[in-house]
Amino acid sequence: MPVAVPTGGSGGPRGPTTWDKWKMGAMMGGSVGLIIGFIFGVTNILRFGAGPNGPLRMLGQYMLGSAATFGFFMSIGTTIRTESSPSITEAFARSQQRPIIIPRQYLKRQQDRKRSE
């Protein structure tokens, strides 16, 4: 995931924009699609032959078709998955805070450590 880049405005560090997320999803999906297309293309060429187009053109068709499909769906999925509403972000931040009520065992361990020092 890209590092948050500080802005010159009044805001603090900001994360990637929606467009950046879309591009990142498309690149990841395209990479996976190329690899999957290569594997399936080679397998099908070895099993059934290349046909009238020749092996290189047929392999390229498999790879590009698979990369386009994976890239398209991965870009949409990445964008949707990383979008969040402010209320959900706030609820997540609250859930990650330390509890207000500290268990007795924890307090007892802290007191024992202070005494031993």
PDB file of N, CA and C in Angstrom:
ATOM      1  N   MET A   1       0.843  -1.166   0.000  1.00  0.00           N
ATOM      2  CA  MET A   1       0.000   0.000   0.000  1.00  0.00           C
ATOM      3  C   MET A   1       0.889   1.230   0.000  1.00  0.00           C
ATOM      4  N   PRO A   2       0.539   2.259  -0.761  1.00  0.00           N
ATOM      5  CA  PRO A   2       1.369   3.451  -0.809  1.00  0.00           C
ATOM      6  C   PRO A   2       1.440   4.151   0.538  1.00  0.00           C
ATOM      7  N   VAL A   3       2.547   4.831   0.768  1.00  0.00           N
ATOM      8  CA  VAL A   3       2.758   5.562   2.005  1.00  0.00           C
ATOM      9  C   VAL A   3       1.934   6.847   1.958  1.00  0.00           C
ATOM     10  N   ALA A   4       1.403   7.249   3.114  1.00  0.00           N
ATOM     11  CA  ALA A   4       0.626   8.484   3.176  1.00  0.00           C
ATOM     12  C   ALA A   4       1.526   9.676   2.882  1.00  0.00           C
ATOM     13  N   VAL A   5       1.053  10.566   2.035  1.00  0.00           N
ATOM     14  CA  VAL A   5       1.841  11.715   1.622  1.00  0.00           C
ATOM     15  C   VAL A   5       1.263  12.965   2.261  1.00  0.00           C
ATOM     16  N   PRO A   6       2.087  13.755   2.975  1.00  0.00           N
ATOM     17  CA  PRO A   6       1.547  14.964   3.574  1.00  0.00           C
ATOM     18  C   PRO A   6       1.186  15.985   2.508  1.00  0.00           C
ATOM     19  N   THR A   7       0.153  16.755   2.785  1.00  0.00           N
ATOM     20  CA  THR A   7      -0.274  17.786   1.845  1.00  0.00           C
ATOM     21  C   THR A   7       0.118  19.147   2.379  1.00  0.00           C
ATOM     22  N   GLY A   8       0.132  20.124   1.507  1.00  0.00           N
ATOM     23  CA  GLY A   8       0.485  21.467   1.916  1.00  0.00           C
ATOM     24  C   GLY A   8      -0.661  22.189   2.598  1.00  0.00           C
ATOM     25  N   GLY A   9      -1.879  21.659   2.502  1.00  0.00           N
ATOM     26  CA  GLY A   9      -3.053  22.317   3.063  1.00  0.00           C
ATOM     27  C   GLY A   9      -3.153  22.139   4.560  1.00  0.00           C
ATOM     28  N   SER A  10      -4.348  22.352   5.069  1.00  0.00           N
ATOM     29  CA  SER A  10      -4.558  22.300   6.508  1.00  0.00           C
ATOM     30  C   SER A  10      -4.680  20.876   7.031  1.00  0.00           C
ATOM     31  N   GLY A  11      -4.800  19.911   6.161  1.00  0.00           N
ATOM     32  CA  GLY A  11      -4.948  18.530   6.598  1.00  0.00           C
ATOM     33  C   GLY A  11      -3.610  17.902   6.947  1.00  0.00           C
ATOM     34  N   GLY A  12      -3.684  16.783   7.616  1.00  0.00           N
ATOM     35  CA  GLY A  12      -2.474  16.033   7.934  1.00  0.00           C
ATOM     36  C   GLY A  12      -2.127  15.119   6.778  1.00  0.00           C
ATOM     37  N   PRO A  13      -1.420  14.031   7.065  1.00  0.00           N
ATOM     38  CA  PRO A  13      -1.084  13.085   6.002  1.00  0.00           C
ATOM     39  C   PRO A  13      -2.349  12.473   5.416  1.00  0.00           C
ATOM     40  N   ARG A  14      -2.330  12.284   4.133  1.00  0.00           N
ATOM     41  CA  ARG A  14      -3.483  11.695   3.452  1.00  0.00           C
ATOM     42  C   ARG A  14      -3.055  10.425   2.758  1.00  0.00           C
ATOM     43  N   GLY A  15      -3.977   9.508   2.661  1.00  0.00           N
ATOM     44  CA  GLY A  15      -3.705   8.237   2.003  1.00  0.00           C
ATOM     45  C   GLY A  15      -3.925   8.350   0.506  1.00  0.00           C
ATOM     46  N   PRO A  16      -3.915   7.219  -0.165  1.00  0.00           N
ATOM     47  CA  PRO A  16      -4.114   7.222  -1.612  1.00  0.00           C
ATOM     48  C   PRO A  16      -5.541   7.645  -1.974  1.00  0.00           C
ATOM     49  N   THR A  17      -5.663   8.291  -3.111  1.00  0.00           N
ATOM     50  CA  THR A  17      -6.983   8.712  -3.588  1.00  0.00           C
ATOM     51  C   THR A  17      -7.718   7.514  -4.178  1.00  0.00           C
ATOM     52  N   THR A  18      -8.971   7.716  -4.503  1.00  0.00           N
ATOM     53  CA  THR A  18      -9.758   6.644  -5.115  1.00  0.00           C
ATOM     54  C   THR A  18      -9.150   6.238  -6.454  1.00  0.00           C
ATOM     55  N   TRP A  19      -8.670   7.207  -7.210  1.00  0.00           N
ATOM     56  CA  TRP A  19      -8.029   6.911  -8.499  1.00  0.00           C
ATOM     57  C   TRP A  19      -6.767   6.069  -8.294  1.00  0.00           C
ATOM     58  N   ASP A  20      -5.974   6.399  -7.265  1.00  0.00           N
ATOM     59  CA  ASP A  20      -4.775   5.609  -6.966  1.00  0.00           C
ATOM     60  C   ASP A  20      -5.138   4.170  -6.604  1.00  0.00           C
ATOM     61  N   LYS A  21      -6.196   4.006  -5.821  1.00  0.00           N
ATOM     62  CA  LYS A  21      -6.650   2.663  -5.449  1.00  0.00           C
ATOM     63  C   LYS A  21      -7.104   1.881  -6.678  1.00  0.00           C
ATOM     64  N   TRP A  22      -7.813   2.569  -7.579  1.00  0.00           N
ATOM     65  CA  TRP A  22      -8.282   1.925  -8.806  1.00  0.00           C
ATOM     66  C   TRP A  22      -7.095   1.465  -9.651  1.00  0.00           C
ATOM     67  N   LYS A  23      -6.093   2.336  -9.810  1.00  0.00           N
ATOM     68  CA  LYS A  23      -4.915   1.969 -10.601  1.00  0.00           C
ATOM     69  C   LYS A  23      -4.155   0.806  -9.963  1.00  0.00           C
ATOM     70  N   MET A  24      -4.034   0.846  -8.641  1.00  0.00           N
ATOM     71  CA  MET A  24      -3.322  -0.224  -7.948  1.00  0.00           C
ATOM     72  C   MET A  24      -4.039  -1.563  -8.127  1.00  0.00           C
ATOM     73  N   GLY A  25      -5.367  -1.565  -8.035  1.00  0.00           N
ATOM     74  CA  GLY A  25      -6.143  -2.788  -8.254  1.00  0.00           C
ATOM     75  C   GLY A  25      -6.015  -3.292  -9.673  1.00  0.00           C
ATOM     76  N   ALA A  26      -6.021  -2.357 -10.641  1.00  0.00           N
ATOM     77  CA  ALA A  26      -5.885  -2.753 -12.044  1.00  0.00           C
ATOM     78  C   ALA A  26      -4.510  -3.360 -12.310  1.00  0.00           C
ATOM     79  N   MET A  27      -3.479  -2.791 -11.716  1.00  0.00           N
ATOM     80  CA  MET A  27      -2.133  -3.336 -11.930  1.00  0.00           C
ATOM     81  C   MET A  27      -1.972  -4.706 -11.275  1.00  0.00           C
ATOM     82  N   MET A  28      -2.505  -4.861 -10.073  1.00  0.00           N
ATOM     83  CA  MET A  28      -2.419  -6.176  -9.419  1.00  0.00           C
ATOM     84  C   MET A  28      -3.205  -7.223 -10.203  1.00  0.00           C
ATOM     85  N   GLY A  29      -4.421  -6.872 -10.604  1.00  0.00           N
ATOM     86  CA  GLY A  29      -5.246  -7.805 -11.363  1.00  0.00           C
ATOM     87  C   GLY A  29      -4.640  -8.123 -12.717  1.00  0.00           C
ATOM     88  N   GLY A  30      -4.064  -7.116 -13.367  1.00  0.00           N
ATOM     89  CA  GLY A  30      -3.412  -7.347 -14.650  1.00  0.00           C
ATOM     90  C   GLY A  30      -2.224  -8.279 -14.529  1.00  0.00           C
ATOM     91  N   SER A  31      -1.454  -8.108 -13.458  1.00  0.00           N
ATOM     92  CA  SER A  31      -0.299  -8.990 -13.241  1.00  0.00           C
ATOM     93  C   SER A  31      -0.734 -10.434 -13.011  1.00  0.00           C
ATOM     94  N   VAL A  32      -1.726 -10.598 -12.152  1.00  0.00           N
ATOM     95  CA  VAL A  32      -2.241 -11.950 -11.887  1.00  0.00           C
ATOM     96  C   VAL A  32      -2.834 -12.538 -13.159  1.00  0.00           C
ATOM     97  N   GLY A  33      -3.569 -11.712 -13.913  1.00  0.00           N
ATOM     98  CA  GLY A  33      -4.182 -12.181 -15.155  1.00  0.00           C
ATOM     99  C   GLY A  33      -3.158 -12.619 -16.184  1.00  0.00           C
ATOM    100  N   LEU A  34      -2.048 -11.888 -16.295  1.00  0.00           N
ATOM    101  CA  LEU A  34      -0.989 -12.299 -17.227  1.00  0.00           C
ATOM    102  C   LEU A  34      -0.432 -13.671 -16.861  1.00  0.00           C
ATOM    103  N   ILE A  35      -0.188 -13.864 -15.592  1.00  0.00           N
ATOM    104  CA  ILE A  35       0.380 -15.145 -15.147  1.00  0.00           C
ATOM    105  C   ILE A  35      -0.610 -16.282 -15.371  1.00  0.00           C
ATOM    106  N   ILE A  36      -1.863 -16.071 -14.981  1.00  0.00           N
ATOM    107  CA  ILE A  36      -2.885 -17.104 -15.175  1.00  0.00           C
ATOM    108  C   ILE A  36      -3.093 -17.367 -16.664  1.00  0.00           C
ATOM    109  N   GLY A  37      -3.117 -16.308 -17.467  1.00  0.00           N
ATOM    110  CA  GLY A  37      -3.267 -16.472 -18.911  1.00  0.00           C
ATOM    111  C   GLY A  37      -2.114 -17.245 -19.525  1.00  0.00           C
ATOM    112  N   PHE A  38      -0.909 -17.005 -19.021  1.00  0.00           N
ATOM    113  CA  PHE A  38       0.255 -17.757 -19.505  1.00  0.00           C
ATOM    114  C   PHE A  38       0.117 -19.241 -19.173  1.00  0.00           C
ATOM    115  N   ILE A  39      -0.267 -19.523 -17.929  1.00  0.00           N
ATOM    116  CA  ILE A  39      -0.399 -20.924 -17.504  1.00  0.00           C
ATOM    117  C   ILE A  39      -1.481 -21.637 -18.322  1.00  0.00           C
ATOM    118  N   PHE A  40      -2.671 -21.040 -18.414  1.00  0.00           N
ATOM    119  CA  PHE A  40      -3.751 -21.675 -19.170  1.00  0.00           C
ATOM    120  C   PHE A  40      -3.444 -21.720 -20.663  1.00  0.00           C
ATOM    121  N   GLY A  41      -2.810 -20.670 -21.168  1.00  0.00           N
ATOM    122  CA  GLY A  41      -2.474 -20.641 -22.588  1.00  0.00           C
ATOM    123  C   GLY A  41      -1.498 -21.738 -22.977  1.00  0.00           C
ATOM    124  N   VAL A  42      -0.432 -21.878 -22.201  1.00  0.00           N
ATOM    125  CA  VAL A  42       0.547 -22.929 -22.489  1.00  0.00           C
ATOM    126  C   VAL A  42      -0.098 -24.303 -22.368  1.00  0.00           C
ATOM    127  N   THR A  43      -0.919 -24.478 -21.337  1.00  0.00           N
ATOM    128  CA  THR A  43      -1.587 -25.767 -21.149  1.00  0.00           C
ATOM    129  C   THR A  43      -2.483 -26.100 -22.342  1.00  0.00           C
ATOM    130  N   ASN A  44      -3.272 -25.152 -22.773  1.00  0.00           N
ATOM    131  CA  ASN A  44      -4.186 -25.406 -23.897  1.00  0.00           C
ATOM    132  C   ASN A  44      -3.444 -25.572 -25.217  1.00  0.00           C
ATOM    133  N   ILE A  45      -2.370 -24.832 -25.408  1.00  0.00           N
ATOM    134  CA  ILE A  45      -1.588 -24.994 -26.642  1.00  0.00           C
ATOM    135  C   ILE A  45      -0.943 -26.380 -26.683  1.00  0.00           C
ATOM    136  N   LEU A  46      -0.457 -26.838 -25.529  1.00  0.00           N
ATOM    137  CA  LEU A  46       0.159 -28.172 -25.497  1.00  0.00           C
ATOM    138  C   LEU A  46      -0.894 -29.273 -25.672  1.00  0.00           C
ATOM    139  N   ARG A  47      -2.073 -29.086 -25.124  1.00  0.00           N
ATOM    140  CA  ARG A  47      -3.109 -30.113 -25.216  1.00  0.00           C
ATOM    141  C   ARG A  47      -3.794 -30.149 -26.568  1.00  0.00           C
ATOM    142  N   PHE A  48      -4.138 -28.980 -27.102  1.00  0.00           N
ATOM    143  CA  PHE A  48      -4.976 -28.931 -28.298  1.00  0.00           C
ATOM    144  C   PHE A  48      -4.282 -28.376 -29.528  1.00  0.00           C
ATOM    145  N   GLY A  49      -3.081 -27.894 -29.382  1.00  0.00           N
ATOM    146  CA  GLY A  49      -2.375 -27.296 -30.522  1.00  0.00           C
ATOM    147  C   GLY A  49      -2.677 -25.813 -30.636  1.00  0.00           C
ATOM    148  N   ALA A  50      -1.878 -25.137 -31.434  1.00  0.00           N
ATOM    149  CA  ALA A  50      -1.990 -23.688 -31.533  1.00  0.00           C
ATOM    150  C   ALA A  50      -3.087 -23.241 -32.477  1.00  0.00           C
ATOM    151  N   GLY A  51      -3.460 -24.075 -33.413  1.00  0.00           N
ATOM    152  CA  GLY A  51      -4.473 -23.675 -34.377  1.00  0.00           C
ATOM    153  C   GLY A  51      -3.859 -22.847 -35.502  1.00  0.00           C
ATOM    154  N   PRO A  52      -4.679 -22.196 -36.301  1.00  0.00           N
ATOM    155  CA  PRO A  52      -4.169 -21.470 -37.462  1.00  0.00           C
ATOM    156  C   PRO A  52      -3.413 -20.185 -37.111  1.00  0.00           C
ATOM    157  N   ASN A  53      -3.577 -19.673 -35.901  1.00  0.00           N
ATOM    158  CA  ASN A  53      -2.918 -18.415 -35.522  1.00  0.00           C
ATOM    159  C   ASN A  53      -1.463 -18.588 -35.126  1.00  0.00           C
ATOM    160  N   GLY A  54      -1.057 -19.758 -34.796  1.00  0.00           N
ATOM    161  CA  GLY A  54       0.303 -19.976 -34.325  1.00  0.00           C
ATOM    162  C   GLY A  54       0.369 -19.895 -32.809  1.00  0.00           C
ATOM    163  N   PRO A  55       1.412 -20.482 -32.237  1.00  0.00           N
ATOM    164  CA  PRO A  55       1.471 -20.572 -30.771  1.00  0.00           C
ATOM    165  C   PRO A  55       1.660 -19.218 -30.080  1.00  0.00           C
ATOM    166  N   LEU A  56       2.484 -18.336 -30.638  1.00  0.00           N
ATOM    167  CA  LEU A  56       2.768 -17.069 -29.957  1.00  0.00           C
ATOM    168  C   LEU A  56       1.541 -16.154 -29.935  1.00  0.00           C
ATOM    169  N   ARG A  57       0.845 -16.084 -31.049  1.00  0.00           N
ATOM    170  CA  ARG A  57      -0.346 -15.240 -31.109  1.00  0.00           C
ATOM    171  C   ARG A  57      -1.450 -15.799 -30.208  1.00  0.00           C
ATOM    172  N   MET A  58      -1.602 -17.098 -30.200  1.00  0.00           N
ATOM    173  CA  MET A  58      -2.622 -17.727 -29.358  1.00  0.00           C
ATOM    174  C   MET A  58      -2.302 -17.502 -27.876  1.00  0.00           C
ATOM    175  N   LEU A  59      -1.036 -17.636 -27.511  1.00  0.00           N
ATOM    176  CA  LEU A  59      -0.631 -17.406 -26.121  1.00  0.00           C
ATOM    177  C   LEU A  59      -0.877 -15.950 -25.734  1.00  0.00           C
ATOM    178  N   GLY A  60      -0.565 -15.036 -26.630  1.00  0.00           N
ATOM    179  CA  GLY A  60      -0.811 -13.621 -26.359  1.00  0.00           C
ATOM    180  C   GLY A  60      -2.282 -13.316 -26.155  1.00  0.00           C
ATOM    181  N   GLN A  61      -3.125 -13.962 -26.931  1.00  0.00           N
ATOM    182  CA  GLN A  61      -4.572 -13.761 -26.773  1.00  0.00           C
ATOM    183  C   GLN A  61      -5.048 -14.249 -25.406  1.00  0.00           C
ATOM    184  N   TYR A  62      -4.563 -15.410 -24.989  1.00  0.00           N
ATOM    185  CA  TYR A  62      -4.924 -15.923 -23.672  1.00  0.00           C
ATOM    186  C   TYR A  62      -4.462 -14.958 -22.583  1.00  0.00           C
ATOM    187  N   MET A  63      -3.223 -14.518 -22.683  1.00  0.00           N
ATOM    188  CA  MET A  63      -2.653 -13.671 -21.641  1.00  0.00           C
ATOM    189  C   MET A  63      -3.349 -12.311 -21.570  1.00  0.00           C
ATOM    190  N   LEU A  64      -3.552 -11.664 -22.700  1.00  0.00           N
ATOM    191  CA  LEU A  64      -4.172 -10.341 -22.688  1.00  0.00           C
ATOM    192  C   LEU A  64      -5.640 -10.395 -22.276  1.00  0.00           C
ATOM    193  N   GLY A  65      -6.338 -11.407 -22.739  1.00  0.00           N
ATOM    194  CA  GLY A  65      -7.744 -11.540 -22.340  1.00  0.00           C
ATOM    195  C   GLY A  65      -7.892 -11.762 -20.851  1.00  0.00           C
ATOM    196  N   SER A  66      -7.050 -12.620 -20.321  1.00  0.00           N
ATOM    197  CA  SER A  66      -7.093 -12.898 -18.891  1.00  0.00           C
ATOM    198  C   SER A  66      -6.665 -11.674 -18.075  1.00  0.00           C
ATOM    199  N   ALA A  67      -5.622 -10.971 -18.531  1.00  0.00           N
ATOM    200  CA  ALA A  67      -5.148  -9.785 -17.811  1.00  0.00           C
ATOM    201  C   ALA A  67      -6.207  -8.686 -17.811  1.00  0.00           C
ATOM    202  N   ALA A  68      -6.876  -8.489 -18.935  1.00  0.00           N
ATOM    203  CA  ALA A  68      -7.911  -7.455 -19.005  1.00  0.00           C
ATOM    204  C   ALA A  68      -9.070  -7.777 -18.069  1.00  0.00           C
ATOM    205  N   THR A  69      -9.484  -9.039 -18.049  1.00  0.00           N
ATOM    206  CA  THR A  69     -10.603  -9.431 -17.196  1.00  0.00           C
ATOM    207  C   THR A  69     -10.248  -9.314 -15.722  1.00  0.00           C
ATOM    208  N   PHE A  70      -9.113  -9.889 -15.329  1.00  0.00           N
ATOM    209  CA  PHE A  70      -8.692  -9.820 -13.933  1.00  0.00           C
ATOM    210  C   PHE A  70      -8.467  -8.368 -13.517  1.00  0.00           C
ATOM    211  N   GLY A  71      -7.820  -7.594 -14.358  1.00  0.00           N
ATOM    212  CA  GLY A  71      -7.536  -6.199 -14.024  1.00  0.00           C
ATOM    213  C   GLY A  71      -8.797  -5.387 -13.828  1.00  0.00           C
ATOM    214  N   PHE A  72      -9.775  -5.590 -14.697  1.00  0.00           N
ATOM    215  CA  PHE A  72     -11.037  -4.856 -14.592  1.00  0.00           C
ATOM    216  C   PHE A  72     -11.740  -5.146 -13.269  1.00  0.00           C
ATOM    217  N   PHE A  73     -11.917  -6.423 -12.970  1.00  0.00           N
ATOM    218  CA  PHE A  73     -12.645  -6.773 -11.755  1.00  0.00           C
ATOM    219  C   PHE A  73     -11.850  -6.470 -10.492  1.00  0.00           C
ATOM    220  N   MET A  74     -10.538  -6.627 -10.535  1.00  0.00           N
ATOM    221  CA  MET A  74      -9.725  -6.331  -9.366  1.00  0.00           C
ATOM    222  C   MET A  74      -9.714  -4.832  -9.075  1.00  0.00           C
ATOM    223  N   SER A  75      -9.703  -4.003 -10.110  1.00  0.00           N
ATOM    224  CA  SER A  75      -9.714  -2.558  -9.880  1.00  0.00           C
ATOM    225  C   SER A  75     -11.022  -2.120  -9.228  1.00  0.00           C
ATOM    226  N   ILE A  76     -12.125  -2.663  -9.695  1.00  0.00           N
ATOM    227  CA  ILE A  76     -13.415  -2.322  -9.098  1.00  0.00           C
ATOM    228  C   ILE A  76     -13.491  -2.837  -7.665  1.00  0.00           C
ATOM    229  N   GLY A  77     -13.067  -4.082  -7.464  1.00  0.00           N
ATOM    230  CA  GLY A  77     -13.103  -4.663  -6.125  1.00  0.00           C
ATOM    231  C   GLY A  77     -12.222  -3.937  -5.136  1.00  0.00           C
ATOM    232  N   THR A  78     -11.043  -3.532  -5.562  1.00  0.00           N
ATOM    233  CA  THR A  78     -10.132  -2.814  -4.672  1.00  0.00           C
ATOM    234  C   THR A  78     -10.707  -1.464  -4.295  1.00  0.00           C
ATOM    235  N   THR A  79     -11.294  -0.778  -5.250  1.00  0.00           N
ATOM    236  CA  THR A  79     -11.879   0.531  -4.968  1.00  0.00           C
ATOM    237  C   THR A  79     -13.047   0.410  -4.006  1.00  0.00           C
ATOM    238  N   ILE A  80     -13.922  -0.551  -4.241  1.00  0.00           N
ATOM    239  CA  ILE A  80     -15.085  -0.728  -3.366  1.00  0.00           C
ATOM    240  C   ILE A  80     -14.643  -1.161  -1.971  1.00  0.00           C
ATOM    241  N   ARG A  81     -13.693  -2.061  -1.921  1.00  0.00           N
ATOM    242  CA  ARG A  81     -13.252  -2.619  -0.638  1.00  0.00           C
ATOM    243  C   ARG A  81     -12.594  -1.574   0.251  1.00  0.00           C
ATOM    244  N   THR A  82     -11.888  -0.629  -0.328  1.00  0.00           N
ATOM    245  CA  THR A  82     -11.145   0.330   0.486  1.00  0.00           C
ATOM    246  C   THR A  82     -11.917   1.611   0.756  1.00  0.00           C
ATOM    247  N   GLU A  83     -13.107   1.757   0.201  1.00  0.00           N
ATOM    248  CA  GLU A  83     -13.922   2.923   0.513  1.00  0.00           C
ATOM    249  C   GLU A  83     -14.554   2.711   1.879  1.00  0.00           C
ATOM    250  N   SER A  84     -14.598   3.760   2.687  1.00  0.00           N
ATOM    251  CA  SER A  84     -15.227   3.625   3.994  1.00  0.00           C
ATOM    252  C   SER A  84     -15.921   4.931   4.360  1.00  0.00           C
ATOM    253  N   SER A  85     -16.971   4.793   5.133  1.00  0.00           N
ATOM    254  CA  SER A  85     -17.682   5.979   5.590  1.00  0.00           C
ATOM    255  C   SER A  85     -17.029   6.463   6.886  1.00  0.00           C
ATOM    256  N   PRO A  86     -17.184   7.737   7.220  1.00  0.00           N
ATOM    257  CA  PRO A  86     -16.574   8.262   8.449  1.00  0.00           C
ATOM    258  C   PRO A  86     -17.068   7.558   9.710  1.00  0.00           C
ATOM    259  N   SER A  87     -18.329   7.134   9.733  1.00  0.00           N
ATOM    260  CA  SER A  87     -18.838   6.465  10.935  1.00  0.00           C
ATOM    261  C   SER A  87     -18.176   5.102  11.137  1.00  0.00           C
ATOM    262  N   ILE A  88     -17.902   4.397  10.045  1.00  0.00           N
ATOM    263  CA  ILE A  88     -17.232   3.101  10.163  1.00  0.00           C
ATOM    264  C   ILE A  88     -15.789   3.301  10.608  1.00  0.00           C
ATOM    265  N   THR A  89     -15.122   4.311  10.066  1.00  0.00           N
ATOM    266  CA  THR A  89     -13.746   4.601  10.459  1.00  0.00           C
ATOM    267  C   THR A  89     -13.676   4.964  11.938  1.00  0.00           C
ATOM    268  N   GLU A  90     -14.627   5.764  12.406  1.00  0.00           N
ATOM    269  CA  GLU A  90     -14.659   6.152  13.815  1.00  0.00           C
ATOM    270  C   GLU A  90     -14.918   4.942  14.712  1.00  0.00           C
ATOM    271  N   ALA A  91     -15.841   4.084  14.315  1.00  0.00           N
ATOM    272  CA  ALA A  91     -16.135   2.884  15.105  1.00  0.00           C
ATOM    273  C   ALA A  91     -14.917   1.969  15.179  1.00  0.00           C
ATOM    274  N   PHE A  92     -14.186   1.841  14.072  1.00  0.00           N
ATOM    275  CA  PHE A  92     -12.978   1.016  14.088  1.00  0.00           C
ATOM    276  C   PHE A  92     -11.930   1.618  15.017  1.00  0.00           C
ATOM    277  N   ALA A  93     -11.760   2.943  14.974  1.00  0.00           N
ATOM    278  CA  ALA A  93     -10.782   3.594  15.852  1.00  0.00           C
ATOM    279  C   ALA A  93     -11.149   3.385  17.318  1.00  0.00           C
ATOM    280  N   ARG A  94     -12.433   3.486  17.643  1.00  0.00           N
ATOM    281  CA  ARG A  94     -12.866   3.254  19.026  1.00  0.00           C
ATOM    282  C   ARG A  94     -12.625   1.812  19.458  1.00  0.00           C
ATOM    283  N   SER A  95     -12.799   0.877  18.538  1.00  0.00           N
ATOM    284  CA  SER A  95     -12.616  -0.535  18.902  1.00  0.00           C
ATOM    285  C   SER A  95     -11.153  -0.878  19.147  1.00  0.00           C
ATOM    286  N   GLN A  96     -10.239  -0.072  18.627  1.00  0.00           N
ATOM    287  CA  GLN A  96      -8.816  -0.351  18.787  1.00  0.00           C
ATOM    288  C   GLN A  96      -8.212   0.314  20.023  1.00  0.00           C
ATOM    289  N   GLN A  97      -8.987   1.137  20.745  1.00  0.00           N
ATOM    290  CA  GLN A  97      -8.489   1.804  21.937  1.00  0.00           C
ATOM    291  C   GLN A  97      -8.390   0.824  23.097  1.00  0.00           C
ATOM    292  N   ARG A  98      -7.559   1.184  24.086  1.00  0.00           N
ATOM    293  CA  ARG A  98      -7.457   0.355  25.281  1.00  0.00           C
ATOM    294  C   ARG A  98      -8.748   0.449  26.079  1.00  0.00           C
ATOM    295  N   PRO A  99      -9.106  -0.597  26.775  1.00  0.00           N
ATOM    296  CA  PRO A  99     -10.341  -0.557  27.562  1.00  0.00           C
ATOM    297  C   PRO A  99     -10.218   0.416  28.731  1.00  0.00           C
ATOM    298  N   ILE A 100     -11.343   0.983  29.121  1.00  0.00           N
ATOM    299  CA  ILE A 100     -11.352   1.920  30.241  1.00  0.00           C
ATOM    300  C   ILE A 100     -11.199   1.152  31.547  1.00  0.00           C
ATOM    301  N   ILE A 101     -11.835   0.005  31.648  1.00  0.00           N
ATOM    302  CA  ILE A 101     -11.737  -0.821  32.848  1.00  0.00           C
ATOM    303  C   ILE A 101     -10.581  -1.779  32.657  1.00  0.00           C
ATOM    304  N   ILE A 102      -9.595  -1.682  33.538  1.00  0.00           N
ATOM    305  CA  ILE A 102      -8.411  -2.524  33.434  1.00  0.00           C
ATOM    306  C   ILE A 102      -8.604  -3.738  34.336  1.00  0.00           C
ATOM    307  N   PRO A 103      -8.347  -4.938  33.826  1.00  0.00           N
ATOM    308  CA  PRO A 103      -8.516  -6.140  34.647  1.00  0.00           C
ATOM    309  C   PRO A 103      -7.615  -6.118  35.882  1.00  0.00           C
ATOM    310  N   ARG A 104      -8.079  -6.752  36.960  1.00  0.00           N
ATOM    311  CA  ARG A 104      -7.327  -6.782  38.205  1.00  0.00           C
ATOM    312  C   ARG A 104      -5.957  -7.428  38.056  1.00  0.00           C
ATOM    313  N   GLN A 105      -5.893  -8.485  37.262  1.00  0.00           N
ATOM    314  CA  GLN A 105      -4.612  -9.183  37.106  1.00  0.00           C
ATOM    315  C   GLN A 105      -3.560  -8.224  36.559  1.00  0.00           C
ATOM    316  N   TYR A 106      -3.975  -7.381  35.623  1.00  0.00           N
ATOM    317  CA  TYR A 106      -3.034  -6.458  35.009  1.00  0.00           C
ATOM    318  C   TYR A 106      -2.535  -5.439  36.041  1.00  0.00           C
ATOM    319  N   LEU A 107      -3.445  -4.919  36.850  1.00  0.00           N
ATOM    320  CA  LEU A 107      -3.050  -3.957  37.879  1.00  0.00           C
ATOM    321  C   LEU A 107      -2.137  -4.614  38.909  1.00  0.00           C
ATOM    322  N   LYS A 108      -2.456  -5.851  39.256  1.00  0.00           N
ATOM    323  CA  LYS A 108      -1.653  -6.568  40.243  1.00  0.00           C
ATOM    324  C   LYS A 108      -0.234  -6.774  39.733  1.00  0.00           C
ATOM    325  N   ARG A 109      -0.087  -7.136  38.448  1.00  0.00           N
ATOM    326  CA  ARG A 109       1.243  -7.310  37.864  1.00  0.00           C
ATOM    327  C   ARG A 109       2.024  -6.005  37.869  1.00  0.00           C
ATOM    328  N   GLN A 110       1.354  -4.900  37.581  1.00  0.00           N
ATOM    329  CA  GLN A 110       2.037  -3.608  37.573  1.00  0.00           C
ATOM    330  C   GLN A 110       2.505  -3.237  38.972  1.00  0.00           C
ATOM    331  N   GLN A 111       1.666  -3.491  39.978  1.00  0.00           N
ATOM    332  CA  GLN A 111       2.053  -3.177  41.356  1.00  0.00           C
ATOM    333  C   GLN A 111       3.217  -4.050  41.797  1.00  0.00           C
ATOM    334  N   ASP A 112       3.214  -5.324  41.414  1.00  0.00           N
ATOM    335  CA  ASP A 112       4.316  -6.222  41.761  1.00  0.00           C
ATOM    336  C   ASP A 112       5.618  -5.764  41.120  1.00  0.00           C
ATOM    337  N   ARG A 113       5.559  -5.299  39.899  1.00  0.00           N
ATOM    338  CA  ARG A 113       6.766  -4.808  39.214  1.00  0.00           C
ATOM    339  C   ARG A 113       7.317  -3.568  39.912  1.00  0.00           C
ATOM    340  N   LYS A 114       6.432  -2.669  40.348  1.00  0.00           N
ATOM    341  CA  LYS A 114       6.883  -1.450  41.027  1.00  0.00           C
ATOM    342  C   LYS A 114       7.553  -1.798  42.347  1.00  0.00           C
ATOM    343  N   ARG A 115       7.012  -2.768  43.056  1.00  0.00           N
ATOM    344  CA  ARG A 115       7.591  -3.171  44.346  1.00  0.00           C
ATOM    345  C   ARG A 115       8.959  -3.802  44.164  1.00  0.00           C
ATOM    346  N   SER A 116       9.132  -4.561  43.094  1.00  0.00           N
ATOM    347  CA  SER A 116      10.406  -5.272  42.885  1.00  0.00           C
ATOM    348  C   SER A 116      11.504  -4.318  42.397  1.00  0.00           C
ATOM    349  N   GLU A 117      11.131  -3.151  41.924  1.00  0.00           N
ATOM    350  CA  GLU A 117      12.157  -2.214  41.441  1.00  0.00           C
ATOM    351  C   GLU A 117      12.807  -1.502  42.535  1.00  0.00           C
TER     352      GLU A 117
END
